[in-house]
Amino acid sequence: MIPAAKPIIGDDEREAVDRVLRSGMLAQGPEVKAFEDEFSPFVGNRHCIAVNSGTSALHMAFVAAGIRQGDEVIVPSFSFAATANSVKLAGATPVFADVEADYFNLDPKSVEAAITPRTRAIMPVHLYGHPAAMHELQAICQRHNLVLFEDAAQAHLAELDGTPVGAFGAAASFSFYPTKNMTSGEGGMVTTGCDHIARQVRLLRNQGMERRYENEVIGFNTRMTDLHAAIGRVQLQKIEGWTKTRQQNAKFLSDNLKGVVTPPVAAGATHVYHQYTIRVVDHNRDAFAEELTKRGVGNGVYYPTPIHRLPSFGLTLDLPVTEQVAQQCLSLPVHPSLSQSDLETIVSTVNSVAQAGS
């Protein structure tokens, strides 16, 4: 079986963990600070604050920026549930807008139509590693005096017109979950150009205190450990090479796949292919995926049920493109561990399944 995803953990990561274990400093400490400093150049030298998960990063960013009960935050429904959960955890209400079919990201027209007097913020997701339409969304925020956030959980090193994701909004949130383009084992990062938000996140992650026993606000325990940060620091040294390999793998797939819709890349965008997501439009997607699995090609369906229809929200909304792509999207292996033989097998298998069903 060619795996759909494969975390890469080597001797360098193991040695980094051993180094921390030998030091005796396991909780948030010098490794976390070094990880934050080393991540900053990848997001336009913004403040970086490490936390224990991507979901915590989303949650802490909202709370730090003052998003609260009574506020509405516009988000896509075609995403992982954490995108909307984090809004609810901050006490606000997620308002779901539609996505556009090519890049699976928030449709600016749908966003503008969803704005109400209670709208406080917009948070696009750079889904699958493709940047959202940030220029248009920035303009909408300026027109309506809204705060722009970024869910960059899947988009490490993605760019739009030379600006890295994580450097557009008031704050952005990254994830280092094991299947992401880089991992710390588990963890997240808030990036921001705002001194106030940065300090608030630092307070919030550590029980509301900057100095021990001097709790300034009601906080949380969302600290990253030095063990996780040490892994992240090693992975950060490798992610540029891994990203180039992902992009090369994606190019081979796009150049050779037939019978499916391959992922386009918008003008000025740098896609980092957290997932290589095709659209299966002439066949039953689930049957297509099952047949690929039977033939030894791993794959994934992200996300079969839009967030608004999950039991945790249970909403009936008119989001036609979201509903369409949720039935069509299928992600193929694109990770750096693929061999040329693997890539050729993926292409021949997908093309064969597509042809057999046509």
Protein backbone atom coordinates (compact mmCIF):
# COMPACT_ATOMS: atom_id res chain seq x y z
CA MET A 1 0.00 0.00 0.00
CA ILE A 2 1.31 3.45 -0.93
CA PRO A 3 0.38 5.49 2.16
CA ALA A 4 -1.70 8.63 1.77
CA ALA A 5 0.57 10.43 4.25
CA LYS A 6 3.81 9.54 6.00
CA PRO A 7 5.43 11.55 8.81
CA ILE A 8 9.20 11.66 8.43
CA ILE A 9 11.00 11.17 11.73
CA GLY A 10 14.71 10.38 11.62
CA ASP A 11 17.82 10.19 13.75
CA ASP A 12 18.09 13.99 13.91
CA GLU A 13 14.69 14.27 15.58
CA ARG A 14 15.49 11.43 18.00
CA GLU A 15 18.78 13.05 18.96
CA ALA A 16 17.01 16.37 19.55
CA VAL A 17 14.54 14.69 21.92
CA ASP A 18 17.38 12.91 23.72
CA ARG A 19 19.19 16.23 24.10
CA VAL A 20 16.17 17.72 25.85
CA LEU A 21 15.69 14.67 28.05
CA ARG A 22 19.31 14.86 29.13
CA SER A 23 18.93 18.56 29.92
CA GLY A 24 16.11 17.97 32.41
CA MET A 25 14.22 21.01 31.02
CA LEU A 26 11.06 19.40 29.62
CA ALA A 27 8.36 22.08 29.90
CA GLN A 28 8.26 25.30 27.92
CA GLY A 29 11.82 26.58 27.92
CA PRO A 30 14.78 27.47 25.69
CA GLU A 31 13.83 25.04 22.90
CA VAL A 32 10.41 26.64 22.56
CA LYS A 33 11.95 30.12 22.42
CA ALA A 34 14.46 28.96 19.79
CA PHE A 35 11.70 27.32 17.73
CA GLU A 36 9.68 30.54 17.79
CA ASP A 37 12.69 32.61 16.73
CA GLU A 38 13.58 30.21 13.92
CA PHE A 39 10.01 30.04 12.61
CA SER A 40 9.68 33.83 12.43
CA PRO A 41 11.66 34.38 9.18
CA PHE A 42 9.22 32.08 7.38
CA VAL A 43 6.31 34.43 8.21
CA GLY A 44 7.80 37.83 7.48
CA ASN A 45 9.66 38.09 10.82
CA ARG A 46 6.44 38.36 12.80
CA HIS A 47 5.99 37.46 16.45
CA CYS A 48 5.70 33.68 16.83
CA ILE A 49 4.16 32.07 19.91
CA ALA A 50 4.24 28.28 20.18
CA VAL A 51 1.34 26.38 21.74
CA ASN A 52 0.33 22.75 22.18
CA SER A 53 -1.83 22.32 19.04
CA GLY A 54 -3.12 24.03 15.94
CA THR A 55 -6.57 24.24 17.52
CA SER A 56 -5.11 26.02 20.54
CA ALA A 57 -3.36 28.43 18.18
CA LEU A 58 -6.69 29.30 16.54
CA HIS A 59 -8.43 29.65 19.90
CA MET A 60 -5.68 31.72 21.55
CA ALA A 61 -5.51 34.09 18.56
CA PHE A 62 -9.23 34.84 18.76
CA VAL A 63 -9.22 35.38 22.51
CA ALA A 64 -6.09 37.53 22.36
CA ALA A 65 -7.62 39.74 19.66
CA GLY A 66 -10.77 40.30 21.71
CA ILE A 67 -13.21 38.13 19.77
CA ARG A 68 -16.04 37.36 22.18
CA GLN A 69 -19.70 36.53 22.68
CA GLY A 70 -21.95 38.47 20.32
CA ASP A 71 -19.32 38.61 17.56
CA GLU A 72 -19.60 36.77 14.26
CA VAL A 73 -16.61 35.38 12.39
CA ILE A 74 -16.99 34.35 8.75
CA VAL A 75 -15.31 31.03 7.97
CA PRO A 76 -15.56 28.31 5.32
CA SER A 77 -17.62 25.21 5.99
CA PHE A 78 -15.34 23.12 3.76
CA SER A 79 -12.56 22.59 6.29
CA PHE A 80 -11.72 20.61 9.41
CA ALA A 81 -14.10 21.24 12.32
CA ALA A 82 -11.39 23.03 14.35
CA THR A 83 -11.79 26.06 12.08
CA ALA A 84 -15.29 26.70 13.40
CA ASN A 85 -14.81 25.09 16.81
CA SER A 86 -12.19 27.70 17.68
CA VAL A 87 -14.68 30.49 16.99
CA LYS A 88 -17.19 28.87 19.33
CA LEU A 89 -14.55 28.27 21.97
CA ALA A 90 -13.86 32.03 21.97
CA GLY A 91 -17.59 32.58 22.60
CA ALA A 92 -18.36 33.95 19.13
CA THR A 93 -20.55 32.60 16.33
CA PRO A 94 -19.09 31.08 13.14
CA VAL A 95 -20.90 32.22 10.01
CA PHE A 96 -20.29 29.91 7.08
CA ALA A 97 -19.58 31.26 3.60
CA ASP A 98 -19.16 29.30 0.38
CA VAL A 99 -15.89 28.38 -1.31
CA GLU A 100 -14.83 28.58 -4.95
CA ALA A 101 -14.48 25.29 -6.81
CA ASP A 102 -10.96 25.68 -8.20
CA TYR A 103 -8.93 26.26 -5.03
CA PHE A 104 -11.47 25.20 -2.33
CA ASN A 105 -10.92 28.44 -0.40
CA LEU A 106 -13.35 31.15 0.74
CA ASP A 107 -15.17 32.88 -2.11
CA PRO A 108 -14.85 36.64 -1.49
CA LYS A 109 -18.29 37.28 -3.01
CA SER A 110 -19.91 34.82 -0.64
CA VAL A 111 -18.00 36.38 2.26
CA GLU A 112 -19.23 39.88 1.48
CA ALA A 113 -22.81 38.63 1.23
CA ALA A 114 -22.50 37.04 4.69
CA ILE A 115 -21.51 40.23 6.50
CA THR A 116 -23.98 41.50 9.11
CA PRO A 117 -23.80 44.26 11.76
CA ARG A 118 -22.41 41.64 14.15
CA THR A 119 -19.56 40.55 11.89
CA ARG A 120 -16.24 41.19 13.59
CA ALA A 121 -13.77 39.11 11.61
CA ILE A 122 -13.07 36.89 8.60
CA MET A 123 -10.89 33.80 8.75
CA PRO A 124 -10.01 32.02 5.49
CA VAL A 125 -8.33 28.63 5.49
CA HIS A 126 -5.40 28.09 3.13
CA LEU A 127 -6.85 24.69 2.39
CA TYR A 128 -4.61 21.82 1.28
CA GLY A 129 -1.69 24.29 1.12
CA HIS A 130 -3.07 26.72 -1.50
CA PRO A 131 -3.27 30.38 -0.37
CA ALA A 132 -6.72 31.89 -0.08
CA ALA A 133 -7.70 35.04 -2.01
CA MET A 134 -6.02 37.27 0.56
CA HIS A 135 -5.91 40.49 -1.46
CA GLU A 136 -9.67 40.45 -2.01
CA LEU A 137 -10.35 39.47 1.60
CA GLN A 138 -8.05 42.20 2.89
CA ALA A 139 -10.00 44.72 0.82
CA ILE A 140 -13.30 43.46 2.24
CA CYS A 141 -11.96 43.80 5.78
CA GLN A 142 -10.82 47.35 5.09
CA ARG A 143 -14.20 48.33 3.62
CA HIS A 144 -16.15 46.92 6.56
CA ASN A 145 -13.63 47.54 9.38
CA LEU A 146 -13.18 43.83 10.10
CA VAL A 147 -10.28 41.84 11.53
CA LEU A 148 -8.57 39.34 9.23
CA PHE A 149 -7.30 36.05 10.65
CA GLU A 150 -5.64 33.14 8.82
CA ASP A 151 -6.05 29.42 9.38
CA ALA A 152 -2.68 28.35 7.98
CA ALA A 153 -2.68 24.90 9.59
CA GLN A 154 -1.98 23.22 6.23
CA ALA A 155 0.09 25.88 4.52
CA HIS A 156 3.65 26.12 5.89
CA LEU A 157 5.77 28.06 3.34
CA ALA A 158 2.84 28.85 1.01
CA GLU A 159 2.96 32.34 -0.50
CA LEU A 160 0.84 34.77 -2.46
CA ASP A 161 2.65 37.30 -4.64
CA GLY A 162 5.77 36.86 -2.54
CA THR A 163 4.11 37.33 0.84
CA PRO A 164 4.08 34.22 3.03
CA VAL A 165 0.83 32.99 4.49
CA GLY A 166 0.84 33.86 8.15
CA ALA A 167 1.86 37.42 7.33
CA PHE A 168 -1.43 38.78 5.97
CA GLY A 169 -3.86 38.90 8.87
CA ALA A 170 -3.88 40.32 12.38
CA ALA A 171 -2.95 36.81 13.45
CA ALA A 172 -2.47 33.42 11.85
CA SER A 173 -2.37 29.89 13.20
CA PHE A 174 -0.23 26.94 12.09
CA SER A 175 -0.42 23.27 13.06
CA PHE A 176 2.41 20.79 13.59
CA TYR A 177 0.23 17.67 13.76
CA PRO A 178 2.09 14.53 12.59
CA THR A 179 0.60 14.51 9.08
CA LYS A 180 1.28 18.20 8.36
CA ASN A 181 4.11 19.29 6.03
CA MET A 182 6.30 19.52 9.13
CA THR A 183 5.61 18.23 12.63
CA SER A 184 6.67 18.72 16.20
CA GLY A 185 4.82 15.55 17.20
CA GLU A 186 1.93 17.81 18.16
CA GLY A 187 1.79 21.57 18.44
CA GLY A 188 0.81 24.88 16.91
CA MET A 189 2.08 28.42 16.34
CA VAL A 190 0.38 31.81 16.45
CA THR A 191 1.99 34.44 14.22
CA THR A 192 1.15 38.11 14.46
CA GLY A 193 2.53 41.54 13.68
CA CYS A 194 0.66 43.03 16.66
CA ASP A 195 2.60 43.47 19.90
CA HIS A 196 -0.61 43.41 21.96
CA ILE A 197 -1.91 40.15 20.44
CA ALA A 198 1.50 38.55 20.84
CA ARG A 199 1.70 39.42 24.53
CA GLN A 200 -1.88 38.30 25.15
CA VAL A 201 -1.22 34.92 23.54
CA ARG A 202 1.88 34.49 25.69
CA LEU A 203 -0.21 35.24 28.76
CA LEU A 204 -3.12 33.05 27.73
CA ARG A 205 -1.01 29.96 27.01
CA ASN A 206 0.57 30.11 30.47
CA GLN A 207 -2.34 30.46 32.90
CA GLY A 208 -2.49 34.21 32.29
CA MET A 209 0.95 35.00 33.62
CA GLU A 210 4.22 36.25 32.20
CA ARG A 211 5.97 36.11 35.57
CA ARG A 212 5.35 33.23 37.92
CA TYR A 213 2.39 33.71 40.26
CA GLU A 214 1.59 37.13 38.79
CA ASN A 215 -1.53 36.08 36.85
CA GLU A 216 -2.78 39.08 34.87
CA VAL A 217 -5.72 37.49 33.03
CA ILE A 218 -7.75 34.28 33.14
CA GLY A 219 -5.62 31.97 31.05
CA PHE A 220 -5.19 28.41 29.84
CA ASN A 221 -2.48 25.77 29.86
CA THR A 222 -1.66 25.49 26.16
CA ARG A 223 2.13 25.54 26.43
CA MET A 224 4.36 23.64 24.03
CA THR A 225 6.95 21.39 25.65
CA ASP A 226 10.65 21.62 24.88
CA LEU A 227 10.45 18.03 23.63
CA HIS A 228 8.00 19.02 20.90
CA ALA A 229 9.86 22.22 20.09
CA ALA A 230 13.12 20.31 19.65
CA ILE A 231 11.47 18.08 17.03
CA GLY A 232 9.99 21.14 15.34
CA ARG A 233 13.37 22.86 15.15
CA VAL A 234 14.87 19.90 13.30
CA GLN A 235 11.91 19.66 10.94
CA LEU A 236 12.14 23.38 10.22
CA GLN A 237 15.61 22.80 8.76
CA LYS A 238 14.17 20.26 6.32
CA ILE A 239 10.83 21.72 5.28
CA GLU A 240 12.13 23.73 2.34
CA GLY A 241 13.54 20.61 0.71
CA TRP A 242 10.44 18.61 1.51
CA THR A 243 8.25 21.34 0.02
CA LYS A 244 10.18 21.31 -3.24
CA THR A 245 9.73 17.53 -3.41
CA ARG A 246 6.00 17.87 -2.78
CA GLN A 247 5.79 20.42 -5.59
CA GLN A 248 7.77 18.18 -7.96
CA ASN A 249 5.55 15.21 -7.09
CA ALA A 250 2.45 17.33 -7.67
CA LYS A 251 3.74 18.45 -11.06
CA PHE A 252 4.29 14.85 -12.15
CA LEU A 253 0.77 13.95 -11.08
CA SER A 254 -0.81 16.95 -12.80
CA ASP A 255 1.15 16.31 -16.00
CA ASN A 256 0.07 12.70 -16.22
CA LEU A 257 -3.31 12.12 -14.57
CA LYS A 258 -6.33 11.72 -16.85
CA GLY A 259 -10.06 11.48 -16.27
CA VAL A 260 -10.02 13.60 -13.09
CA VAL A 261 -9.75 17.33 -12.38
CA THR A 262 -6.25 18.12 -11.11
CA PRO A 263 -5.67 21.04 -8.70
CA PRO A 264 -4.93 24.35 -10.45
CA VAL A 265 -2.68 27.00 -8.94
CA ALA A 266 -3.79 30.64 -8.91
CA ALA A 267 -1.64 33.33 -10.48
CA GLY A 268 0.98 34.51 -7.98
CA ALA A 269 0.31 31.60 -5.60
CA THR A 270 2.84 29.13 -4.25
CA HIS A 271 1.03 25.88 -3.46
CA VAL A 272 2.77 23.66 -0.90
CA TYR A 273 0.52 20.61 -1.39
CA HIS A 274 -0.28 19.53 2.12
CA GLN A 275 -2.74 17.47 0.12
CA TYR A 276 -2.83 16.83 -3.62
CA THR A 277 -6.59 17.02 -4.08
CA ILE A 278 -8.32 16.05 -7.28
CA ARG A 279 -12.00 16.33 -8.13
CA VAL A 280 -13.77 13.19 -9.29
CA VAL A 281 -16.60 14.58 -11.39
CA ASP A 282 -17.52 11.75 -13.78
CA HIS A 283 -17.62 8.91 -11.24
CA ASN A 284 -18.85 8.18 -7.74
CA ARG A 285 -16.04 9.57 -5.60
CA ASP A 286 -16.41 7.08 -2.76
CA ALA A 287 -16.44 4.09 -5.11
CA PHE A 288 -13.41 5.59 -6.90
CA ALA A 289 -11.56 5.91 -3.60
CA GLU A 290 -12.45 2.37 -2.56
CA GLU A 291 -11.12 1.00 -5.84
CA LEU A 292 -7.84 2.89 -5.46
CA THR A 293 -7.43 1.41 -2.00
CA LYS A 294 -8.09 -2.09 -3.30
CA ARG A 295 -5.34 -1.56 -5.87
CA GLY A 296 -2.82 -0.38 -3.28
CA VAL A 297 -2.99 3.40 -3.59
CA GLY A 298 -3.79 5.11 -0.32
CA ASN A 299 -6.01 8.18 -0.45
CA GLY A 300 -8.13 10.39 1.73
CA VAL A 301 -11.45 12.23 1.65
CA TYR A 302 -11.11 15.62 3.35
CA TYR A 303 -13.85 16.64 4.22
CA PRO A 304 -16.91 14.51 3.38
CA THR A 305 -19.34 16.42 5.59
CA PRO A 306 -19.22 20.23 5.59
CA ILE A 307 -18.82 21.67 9.07
CA HIS A 308 -22.25 23.30 9.09
CA ARG A 309 -23.92 19.90 8.69
CA LEU A 310 -21.94 18.16 11.43
CA PRO A 311 -24.03 17.18 14.49
CA SER A 312 -22.11 19.76 16.52
CA PHE A 313 -23.62 22.54 14.39
CA GLY A 314 -26.57 20.99 12.55
CA LEU A 315 -27.31 23.90 10.22
CA THR A 316 -29.17 23.94 6.92
CA LEU A 317 -27.49 26.47 4.63
CA ASP A 318 -27.31 27.23 0.93
CA LEU A 319 -23.63 26.61 0.15
CA PRO A 320 -23.81 24.89 -3.26
CA VAL A 321 -20.10 24.81 -4.11
CA THR A 322 -19.23 23.53 -0.65
CA GLU A 323 -21.75 20.71 -1.04
CA GLN A 324 -20.43 19.91 -4.51
CA VAL A 325 -16.74 19.73 -3.69
CA ALA A 326 -17.44 17.75 -0.50
CA GLN A 327 -18.80 15.04 -2.80
CA GLN A 328 -16.03 15.28 -5.38
CA CYS A 329 -12.71 15.86 -3.60
CA LEU A 330 -10.20 13.05 -3.20
CA SER A 331 -6.63 13.48 -1.98
CA LEU A 332 -3.81 11.38 -3.43
CA PRO A 333 -0.35 10.73 -1.95
CA VAL A 334 2.09 13.59 -2.61
CA HIS A 335 4.42 13.37 0.40
CA PRO A 336 8.23 13.51 0.09
CA SER A 337 8.70 9.80 0.80
CA LEU A 338 7.20 8.78 -2.55
CA SER A 339 9.56 7.15 -5.04
CA GLN A 340 9.34 7.63 -8.79
CA SER A 341 7.90 4.12 -8.94
CA ASP A 342 5.23 5.13 -6.42
CA LEU A 343 4.31 8.17 -8.51
CA GLU A 344 4.05 6.10 -11.67
CA THR A 345 1.88 3.56 -9.85
CA ILE A 346 -0.42 6.31 -8.57
CA VAL A 347 -0.82 7.71 -12.09
CA SER A 348 -1.41 4.37 -13.79
CA THR A 349 -3.88 3.26 -11.11
CA VAL A 350 -5.89 6.48 -11.10
CA ASN A 351 -5.99 6.57 -14.89
CA SER A 352 -7.06 2.94 -15.05
CA VAL A 353 -9.86 3.42 -12.51
CA ALA A 354 -11.00 6.57 -14.29
CA GLN A 355 -11.05 4.82 -17.65
CA ALA A 356 -12.81 1.72 -16.31
CA GLY A 357 -15.60 3.87 -14.90
CA SER A 358 -16.09 6.04 -17.97
